[in-house]
Amino acid sequence: MALSTEAANLVWQKAEAAQPDYKPSIKNILRALKAYLAQSKANPDLQFGSIISTSIDAAGGQVVADAACKLYAVVAKKAATATDVYLVIFDDATDDAGAGTDGRVVIPFLVSGEYGIWINPDGLAMGTGIVAKAYTDFDGTTDSTAADCPDGFAIFGKP
């Protein structure tokens, strides 16, 4: 399945709507990324992909994109729980297998209700797709439960 990119402004509107209670610092970082992509990267078409707590706790994780792409941002907010959670982003189109070779980004959530953001203004090349998965340990051996997982989104575009 190919990416379904759309005009960047539509994606930024979705991102804004997805974070009504996010900290101003998160919103400011995203505004800076938006401005950079518009001014320095010819305002590329983008795609918005939801990251859902009840999906990233599944055994294989959640497929966010099933095609090669460039990942620009991952933003999430952890549930109000004390359990440590690590959100891992894989370069894969189907599941979280191959953590040692396919793992690309890890965002730790170690405090109740914590926000996390990862940005790559030039886009991180994802050769096959994007899978998001949550674990309770850094090395990805123990799956997290939905009640402890963050919800958020990814912003990506064509390779």
N, C-alpha and C. Protein backbone atom coordinates (compact mmCIF):
# COMPACT_ATOMS: atom_id res chain seq x y z
N MET A 1 0.84 -1.17 0.00
CA MET A 1 0.00 0.00 0.00
C MET A 1 0.89 1.23 0.00
N ALA A 2 0.60 2.18 -0.81
CA ALA A 2 1.39 3.40 -0.91
C ALA A 2 1.00 4.38 0.19
N LEU A 3 1.86 5.35 0.40
CA LEU A 3 1.53 6.41 1.35
C LEU A 3 0.37 7.24 0.81
N SER A 4 -0.37 7.82 1.72
CA SER A 4 -1.49 8.71 1.35
C SER A 4 -1.18 10.11 1.85
N THR A 5 -0.18 10.73 1.25
CA THR A 5 0.21 12.07 1.70
C THR A 5 -0.81 13.09 1.21
N GLU A 6 -0.79 14.23 1.89
CA GLU A 6 -1.67 15.34 1.53
C GLU A 6 -0.92 16.64 1.80
N ALA A 7 -1.53 17.74 1.44
CA ALA A 7 -0.91 19.04 1.66
C ALA A 7 -0.48 19.17 3.12
N ALA A 8 0.71 19.68 3.31
CA ALA A 8 1.29 19.77 4.65
C ALA A 8 0.38 20.51 5.63
N ASN A 9 -0.26 21.58 5.20
CA ASN A 9 -1.12 22.35 6.11
C ASN A 9 -2.25 21.51 6.67
N LEU A 10 -2.78 20.57 5.90
CA LEU A 10 -3.83 19.69 6.41
C LEU A 10 -3.29 18.78 7.51
N VAL A 11 -2.07 18.30 7.33
CA VAL A 11 -1.45 17.44 8.34
C VAL A 11 -1.17 18.24 9.61
N TRP A 12 -0.70 19.46 9.48
CA TRP A 12 -0.43 20.28 10.66
C TRP A 12 -1.73 20.61 11.39
N GLN A 13 -2.84 20.76 10.67
CA GLN A 13 -4.13 20.97 11.32
C GLN A 13 -4.53 19.74 12.14
N LYS A 14 -4.29 18.55 11.58
CA LYS A 14 -4.59 17.31 12.31
C LYS A 14 -3.71 17.20 13.55
N ALA A 15 -2.45 17.57 13.41
CA ALA A 15 -1.52 17.52 14.55
C ALA A 15 -1.98 18.47 15.66
N GLU A 16 -2.40 19.65 15.28
CA GLU A 16 -2.88 20.63 16.27
C GLU A 16 -4.13 20.11 16.96
N ALA A 17 -5.04 19.52 16.21
CA ALA A 17 -6.28 19.00 16.79
C ALA A 17 -6.02 17.81 17.71
N ALA A 18 -4.96 17.06 17.43
CA ALA A 18 -4.66 15.86 18.20
C ALA A 18 -4.01 16.17 19.55
N GLN A 19 -3.63 17.40 19.79
CA GLN A 19 -2.90 17.74 21.02
C GLN A 19 -3.50 18.94 21.75
N PRO A 20 -4.79 18.92 22.02
CA PRO A 20 -5.41 20.10 22.65
C PRO A 20 -4.85 20.42 24.03
N ASP A 21 -4.40 19.43 24.77
CA ASP A 21 -3.91 19.70 26.12
C ASP A 21 -2.39 19.54 26.24
N TYR A 22 -1.69 19.47 25.13
CA TYR A 22 -0.24 19.32 25.18
C TYR A 22 0.43 20.60 25.68
N LYS A 23 1.59 20.45 26.23
CA LYS A 23 2.35 21.58 26.74
C LYS A 23 2.70 22.55 25.60
N PRO A 24 2.77 23.84 25.90
CA PRO A 24 3.16 24.81 24.88
C PRO A 24 4.52 24.50 24.25
N SER A 25 5.43 23.93 25.02
CA SER A 25 6.75 23.62 24.46
C SER A 25 6.66 22.59 23.33
N ILE A 26 5.78 21.61 23.45
CA ILE A 26 5.59 20.62 22.39
C ILE A 26 5.02 21.31 21.16
N LYS A 27 4.02 22.14 21.36
CA LYS A 27 3.41 22.86 20.24
C LYS A 27 4.43 23.76 19.54
N ASN A 28 5.29 24.42 20.32
CA ASN A 28 6.30 25.31 19.74
C ASN A 28 7.33 24.53 18.92
N ILE A 29 7.71 23.37 19.40
CA ILE A 29 8.66 22.54 18.65
C ILE A 29 8.05 22.13 17.31
N LEU A 30 6.78 21.74 17.33
CA LEU A 30 6.12 21.35 16.09
C LEU A 30 5.96 22.54 15.14
N ARG A 31 5.67 23.71 15.67
CA ARG A 31 5.59 24.91 14.82
C ARG A 31 6.94 25.20 14.17
N ALA A 32 8.02 25.01 14.91
CA ALA A 32 9.35 25.22 14.36
C ALA A 32 9.65 24.21 13.25
N LEU A 33 9.25 22.95 13.45
CA LEU A 33 9.44 21.93 12.41
C LEU A 33 8.62 22.30 11.17
N LYS A 34 7.39 22.72 11.38
CA LYS A 34 6.52 23.12 10.26
C LYS A 34 7.19 24.24 9.47
N ALA A 35 7.68 25.26 10.16
CA ALA A 35 8.32 26.40 9.48
C ALA A 35 9.57 25.95 8.73
N TYR A 36 10.36 25.10 9.34
CA TYR A 36 11.58 24.62 8.69
C TYR A 36 11.25 23.85 7.42
N LEU A 37 10.28 22.94 7.50
CA LEU A 37 9.91 22.15 6.32
C LEU A 37 9.35 23.05 5.21
N ALA A 38 8.58 24.06 5.59
CA ALA A 38 8.02 24.97 4.59
C ALA A 38 9.10 25.82 3.93
N GLN A 39 10.05 26.30 4.72
CA GLN A 39 11.06 27.22 4.20
C GLN A 39 12.26 26.53 3.57
N SER A 40 12.68 25.42 4.15
CA SER A 40 13.93 24.79 3.71
C SER A 40 13.75 23.49 2.93
N LYS A 41 12.58 22.91 2.99
CA LYS A 41 12.36 21.61 2.34
C LYS A 41 11.21 21.65 1.33
N ALA A 42 10.86 22.83 0.85
CA ALA A 42 9.84 23.01 -0.19
C ALA A 42 8.46 22.54 0.25
N ASN A 43 8.19 22.61 1.55
CA ASN A 43 6.87 22.28 2.10
C ASN A 43 6.32 20.94 1.54
N PRO A 44 7.00 19.84 1.85
CA PRO A 44 6.59 18.56 1.26
C PRO A 44 5.21 18.10 1.73
N ASP A 45 4.53 17.35 0.87
CA ASP A 45 3.30 16.70 1.29
C ASP A 45 3.64 15.73 2.42
N LEU A 46 2.74 15.59 3.37
CA LEU A 46 2.99 14.78 4.56
C LEU A 46 1.82 13.85 4.81
N GLN A 47 2.01 12.97 5.79
CA GLN A 47 0.92 12.10 6.25
C GLN A 47 0.92 12.10 7.77
N PHE A 48 -0.27 12.08 8.34
CA PHE A 48 -0.47 12.02 9.79
C PHE A 48 -0.85 10.58 10.13
N GLY A 49 -0.17 10.00 11.10
CA GLY A 49 -0.50 8.65 11.54
C GLY A 49 -0.71 8.61 13.04
N SER A 50 -1.88 8.18 13.46
CA SER A 50 -2.18 8.08 14.89
C SER A 50 -1.39 6.94 15.53
N ILE A 51 -0.98 7.16 16.76
CA ILE A 51 -0.37 6.11 17.59
C ILE A 51 -1.32 5.92 18.76
N ILE A 52 -1.90 4.72 18.85
CA ILE A 52 -3.00 4.47 19.77
C ILE A 52 -2.57 3.48 20.85
N SER A 53 -2.79 3.86 22.11
CA SER A 53 -2.34 3.04 23.25
C SER A 53 -2.86 1.61 23.18
N THR A 54 -4.08 1.42 22.75
CA THR A 54 -4.66 0.07 22.69
C THR A 54 -4.17 -0.73 21.49
N SER A 55 -3.39 -0.10 20.62
CA SER A 55 -2.79 -0.81 19.48
C SER A 55 -1.30 -1.07 19.68
N ILE A 56 -0.61 -0.14 20.33
CA ILE A 56 0.84 -0.32 20.50
C ILE A 56 1.17 -1.31 21.60
N ASP A 57 0.17 -1.74 22.36
CA ASP A 57 0.41 -2.78 23.36
C ASP A 57 0.25 -4.17 22.76
N ALA A 58 -0.27 -4.28 21.54
CA ALA A 58 -0.48 -5.57 20.89
C ALA A 58 0.85 -6.27 20.67
N ALA A 59 0.81 -7.58 20.54
CA ALA A 59 2.03 -8.38 20.44
C ALA A 59 2.99 -7.89 19.37
N GLY A 60 2.49 -7.51 18.20
CA GLY A 60 3.37 -7.07 17.11
C GLY A 60 3.47 -5.58 16.97
N GLY A 61 2.76 -4.84 17.80
CA GLY A 61 2.77 -3.39 17.69
C GLY A 61 1.71 -2.89 16.72
N GLN A 62 1.77 -1.62 16.42
CA GLN A 62 0.81 -0.97 15.52
C GLN A 62 1.52 -0.52 14.25
N VAL A 63 1.00 -0.93 13.10
CA VAL A 63 1.53 -0.46 11.82
C VAL A 63 1.00 0.96 11.61
N VAL A 64 1.91 1.90 11.53
CA VAL A 64 1.56 3.30 11.29
C VAL A 64 1.67 3.61 9.79
N ALA A 65 2.67 3.02 9.15
CA ALA A 65 2.86 3.15 7.70
C ALA A 65 3.42 1.83 7.19
N ASP A 66 2.93 1.38 6.04
CA ASP A 66 3.42 0.11 5.50
C ASP A 66 4.17 0.29 4.18
N ALA A 67 4.81 1.44 4.04
CA ALA A 67 5.60 1.73 2.85
C ALA A 67 6.81 2.57 3.26
N ALA A 68 7.83 2.57 2.43
CA ALA A 68 9.01 3.39 2.69
C ALA A 68 8.59 4.85 2.83
N CYS A 69 9.25 5.55 3.76
CA CYS A 69 8.89 6.94 4.01
C CYS A 69 10.02 7.64 4.75
N LYS A 70 9.84 8.94 4.99
CA LYS A 70 10.73 9.71 5.84
C LYS A 70 9.94 10.12 7.07
N LEU A 71 10.46 9.79 8.24
CA LEU A 71 9.81 10.11 9.51
C LEU A 71 10.36 11.44 10.03
N TYR A 72 9.44 12.39 10.26
CA TYR A 72 9.84 13.72 10.73
C TYR A 72 9.59 13.94 12.21
N ALA A 73 8.51 13.36 12.73
CA ALA A 73 8.18 13.62 14.13
C ALA A 73 7.35 12.48 14.73
N VAL A 74 7.58 12.26 16.02
CA VAL A 74 6.74 11.37 16.81
C VAL A 74 6.44 12.13 18.09
N VAL A 75 5.15 12.23 18.43
CA VAL A 75 4.71 12.98 19.60
C VAL A 75 3.72 12.11 20.36
N ALA A 76 3.87 12.05 21.68
CA ALA A 76 2.95 11.22 22.46
C ALA A 76 2.86 11.73 23.89
N LYS A 77 1.78 11.31 24.56
CA LYS A 77 1.59 11.61 25.98
C LYS A 77 1.19 10.32 26.67
N LYS A 78 1.92 10.02 27.73
CA LYS A 78 1.69 8.79 28.50
C LYS A 78 0.45 8.92 29.40
N ALA A 79 -0.17 7.80 29.61
CA ALA A 79 -1.30 7.76 30.55
C ALA A 79 -0.83 8.14 31.95
N ALA A 80 -1.75 8.46 32.80
CA ALA A 80 -1.44 8.85 34.18
C ALA A 80 -1.19 7.60 35.02
N THR A 81 -0.06 6.94 34.78
CA THR A 81 0.33 5.76 35.54
C THR A 81 1.80 5.88 35.92
N ALA A 82 2.21 5.13 36.93
CA ALA A 82 3.59 5.17 37.39
C ALA A 82 4.49 4.20 36.65
N THR A 83 3.94 3.31 35.85
CA THR A 83 4.72 2.29 35.16
C THR A 83 5.57 2.92 34.05
N ASP A 84 6.86 2.57 34.02
CA ASP A 84 7.74 3.03 32.95
C ASP A 84 7.30 2.42 31.63
N VAL A 85 7.33 3.22 30.58
CA VAL A 85 6.98 2.75 29.24
C VAL A 85 7.98 3.34 28.26
N TYR A 86 8.40 2.50 27.31
CA TYR A 86 9.30 2.92 26.25
C TYR A 86 8.57 2.74 24.93
N LEU A 87 8.35 3.84 24.22
CA LEU A 87 7.74 3.79 22.90
C LEU A 87 8.86 3.60 21.89
N VAL A 88 8.78 2.52 21.12
CA VAL A 88 9.83 2.20 20.15
C VAL A 88 9.23 2.29 18.75
N ILE A 89 9.97 2.92 17.86
CA ILE A 89 9.57 3.04 16.46
C ILE A 89 10.50 2.15 15.64
N PHE A 90 9.89 1.26 14.86
CA PHE A 90 10.63 0.30 14.04
C PHE A 90 10.51 0.65 12.56
N ASP A 91 11.58 0.36 11.82
CA ASP A 91 11.57 0.43 10.36
C ASP A 91 11.08 -0.93 9.87
N ASP A 92 9.78 -1.08 9.81
CA ASP A 92 9.16 -2.36 9.46
C ASP A 92 7.75 -2.07 8.96
N ALA A 93 7.22 -2.95 8.14
CA ALA A 93 5.89 -2.75 7.58
C ALA A 93 4.84 -3.65 8.20
N THR A 94 5.26 -4.56 9.11
CA THR A 94 4.29 -5.52 9.62
C THR A 94 4.26 -5.66 11.14
N ASP A 95 5.45 -5.69 11.81
CA ASP A 95 5.47 -5.93 13.26
C ASP A 95 6.78 -5.47 13.87
N ASP A 96 6.94 -5.75 15.17
CA ASP A 96 8.14 -5.31 15.89
C ASP A 96 9.26 -6.35 15.91
N ALA A 97 9.16 -7.39 15.09
CA ALA A 97 10.23 -8.39 15.03
C ALA A 97 11.52 -7.72 14.55
N GLY A 98 12.63 -8.20 15.03
CA GLY A 98 13.91 -7.66 14.60
C GLY A 98 14.30 -6.39 15.31
N ALA A 99 14.01 -6.30 16.61
CA ALA A 99 14.31 -5.08 17.35
C ALA A 99 15.78 -4.68 17.23
N GLY A 100 16.66 -5.65 17.20
CA GLY A 100 18.08 -5.35 17.12
C GLY A 100 18.51 -4.73 15.81
N THR A 101 17.77 -5.01 14.75
CA THR A 101 18.13 -4.47 13.44
C THR A 101 17.15 -3.42 12.92
N ASP A 102 15.90 -3.46 13.36
CA ASP A 102 14.89 -2.55 12.82
C ASP A 102 14.51 -1.41 13.75
N GLY A 103 14.92 -1.45 15.01
CA GLY A 103 14.59 -0.38 15.95
C GLY A 103 15.28 0.91 15.54
N ARG A 104 14.54 2.01 15.50
CA ARG A 104 15.11 3.29 15.06
C ARG A 104 15.02 4.40 16.10
N VAL A 105 13.93 4.45 16.85
CA VAL A 105 13.70 5.54 17.80
C VAL A 105 13.13 4.95 19.09
N VAL A 106 13.63 5.41 20.23
CA VAL A 106 13.07 5.03 21.53
C VAL A 106 12.77 6.31 22.30
N ILE A 107 11.54 6.43 22.75
CA ILE A 107 11.14 7.58 23.57
C ILE A 107 10.72 7.04 24.94
N PRO A 108 11.47 7.38 26.00
CA PRO A 108 11.10 6.90 27.33
C PRO A 108 10.01 7.76 27.97
N PHE A 109 9.11 7.11 28.67
CA PHE A 109 8.07 7.77 29.46
C PHE A 109 8.19 7.21 30.87
N LEU A 110 8.84 7.96 31.77
CA LEU A 110 9.17 7.45 33.09
C LEU A 110 8.39 8.12 34.22
N VAL A 111 7.54 9.07 33.86
CA VAL A 111 6.76 9.82 34.84
C VAL A 111 5.29 9.78 34.42
N SER A 112 4.41 9.72 35.37
CA SER A 112 2.98 9.71 35.09
C SER A 112 2.55 10.93 34.27
N GLY A 113 1.82 10.69 33.18
CA GLY A 113 1.32 11.78 32.35
C GLY A 113 2.37 12.52 31.55
N GLU A 114 3.53 11.94 31.37
CA GLU A 114 4.65 12.59 30.70
C GLU A 114 4.43 12.74 29.20
N TYR A 115 4.96 13.83 28.65
CA TYR A 115 4.95 14.09 27.22
C TYR A 115 6.30 13.68 26.63
N GLY A 116 6.28 13.23 25.39
CA GLY A 116 7.52 12.91 24.70
C GLY A 116 7.44 13.36 23.25
N ILE A 117 8.58 13.80 22.74
CA ILE A 117 8.65 14.22 21.34
C ILE A 117 10.00 13.84 20.76
N TRP A 118 9.98 13.42 19.53
CA TRP A 118 11.19 13.13 18.78
C TRP A 118 11.04 13.81 17.42
N ILE A 119 12.09 14.50 17.00
CA ILE A 119 12.05 15.26 15.74
C ILE A 119 13.30 14.96 14.92
N ASN A 120 13.13 14.84 13.61
CA ASN A 120 14.25 14.81 12.67
C ASN A 120 13.87 15.73 11.52
N PRO A 121 14.40 16.95 11.48
CA PRO A 121 13.97 17.91 10.48
C PRO A 121 14.29 17.52 9.04
N ASP A 122 15.25 16.65 8.85
CA ASP A 122 15.57 16.20 7.49
C ASP A 122 14.85 14.90 7.14
N GLY A 123 14.18 14.31 8.10
CA GLY A 123 13.45 13.07 7.88
C GLY A 123 14.35 11.85 8.02
N LEU A 124 13.96 10.95 8.89
CA LEU A 124 14.67 9.69 9.07
C LEU A 124 14.14 8.70 8.04
N ALA A 125 15.02 8.20 7.21
CA ALA A 125 14.61 7.26 6.17
C ALA A 125 14.14 5.94 6.79
N MET A 126 12.93 5.58 6.48
CA MET A 126 12.35 4.31 6.93
C MET A 126 12.16 3.47 5.66
N GLY A 127 12.96 2.44 5.52
CA GLY A 127 13.01 1.68 4.27
C GLY A 127 11.79 0.86 3.95
N THR A 128 11.06 0.41 4.96
CA THR A 128 9.90 -0.45 4.70
C THR A 128 8.59 0.07 5.28
N GLY A 129 8.65 0.87 6.33
CA GLY A 129 7.43 1.39 6.96
C GLY A 129 7.69 1.81 8.38
N ILE A 130 6.61 2.00 9.14
CA ILE A 130 6.71 2.43 10.53
C ILE A 130 5.80 1.55 11.39
N VAL A 131 6.39 0.93 12.40
CA VAL A 131 5.63 0.19 13.41
C VAL A 131 5.95 0.81 14.76
N ALA A 132 4.92 1.09 15.55
CA ALA A 132 5.08 1.63 16.91
C ALA A 132 4.73 0.53 17.91
N LYS A 133 5.54 0.41 18.96
CA LYS A 133 5.33 -0.63 19.96
C LYS A 133 5.76 -0.09 21.32
N ALA A 134 5.05 -0.47 22.38
CA ALA A 134 5.37 -0.03 23.74
C ALA A 134 5.84 -1.20 24.59
N TYR A 135 6.87 -0.94 25.38
CA TYR A 135 7.45 -1.94 26.29
C TYR A 135 7.61 -1.31 27.67
N THR A 136 7.72 -2.16 28.69
CA THR A 136 7.98 -1.65 30.05
C THR A 136 9.46 -1.70 30.39
N ASP A 137 10.28 -2.14 29.45
CA ASP A 137 11.73 -2.16 29.67
C ASP A 137 12.43 -1.62 28.42
N PHE A 138 13.62 -1.09 28.63
CA PHE A 138 14.36 -0.43 27.56
C PHE A 138 14.74 -1.37 26.43
N ASP A 139 15.00 -2.63 26.74
CA ASP A 139 15.47 -3.55 25.69
C ASP A 139 14.35 -4.25 24.94
N GLY A 140 13.11 -3.89 25.21
CA GLY A 140 12.00 -4.40 24.43
C GLY A 140 11.67 -5.86 24.64
N THR A 141 11.81 -6.37 25.85
CA THR A 141 11.49 -7.77 26.10
C THR A 141 10.14 -7.97 26.79
N THR A 142 9.60 -6.90 27.41
CA THR A 142 8.33 -7.03 28.12
C THR A 142 7.31 -6.05 27.53
N ASP A 143 6.25 -6.61 26.94
CA ASP A 143 5.20 -5.77 26.36
C ASP A 143 4.53 -4.95 27.45
N SER A 144 4.16 -3.73 27.11
CA SER A 144 3.42 -2.87 28.02
C SER A 144 1.93 -3.17 27.90
N THR A 145 1.16 -2.70 28.86
CA THR A 145 -0.29 -2.84 28.78
C THR A 145 -0.89 -1.53 28.29
N ALA A 146 -2.05 -1.61 27.67
CA ALA A 146 -2.70 -0.42 27.10
C ALA A 146 -2.89 0.68 28.14
N ALA A 147 -3.19 0.31 29.36
CA ALA A 147 -3.46 1.32 30.40
C ALA A 147 -2.24 2.18 30.71
N ASP A 148 -1.04 1.68 30.40
CA ASP A 148 0.19 2.41 30.68
C ASP A 148 0.78 3.10 29.45
N CYS A 149 0.26 2.79 28.28
CA CYS A 149 0.86 3.25 27.03
C CYS A 149 0.49 4.70 26.68
N PRO A 150 1.37 5.35 25.94
CA PRO A 150 1.05 6.70 25.46
C PRO A 150 0.15 6.66 24.22
N ASP A 151 -0.52 7.76 23.99
CA ASP A 151 -1.25 8.00 22.74
C ASP A 151 -0.57 9.17 22.05
N GLY A 152 -0.57 9.18 20.74
CA GLY A 152 0.06 10.30 20.04
C GLY A 152 -0.06 10.15 18.54
N PHE A 153 0.98 10.60 17.86
CA PHE A 153 0.96 10.56 16.40
C PHE A 153 2.37 10.65 15.83
N ALA A 154 2.46 10.30 14.55
CA ALA A 154 3.69 10.44 13.78
C ALA A 154 3.39 11.29 12.57
N ILE A 155 4.37 12.06 12.14
CA ILE A 155 4.28 12.83 10.91
C ILE A 155 5.39 12.34 9.99
N PHE A 156 5.01 11.94 8.78
CA PHE A 156 5.98 11.38 7.84
C PHE A 156 5.58 11.75 6.43
N GLY A 157 6.51 11.53 5.51
CA GLY A 157 6.26 11.86 4.11
C GLY A 157 6.96 10.89 3.18
N LYS A 158 6.93 11.20 1.90
CA LYS A 158 7.53 10.32 0.90
C LYS A 158 9.04 10.29 1.06
N PRO A 159 9.63 9.14 0.72
CA PRO A 159 11.10 9.01 0.86
C PRO A 159 11.87 9.93 -0.07
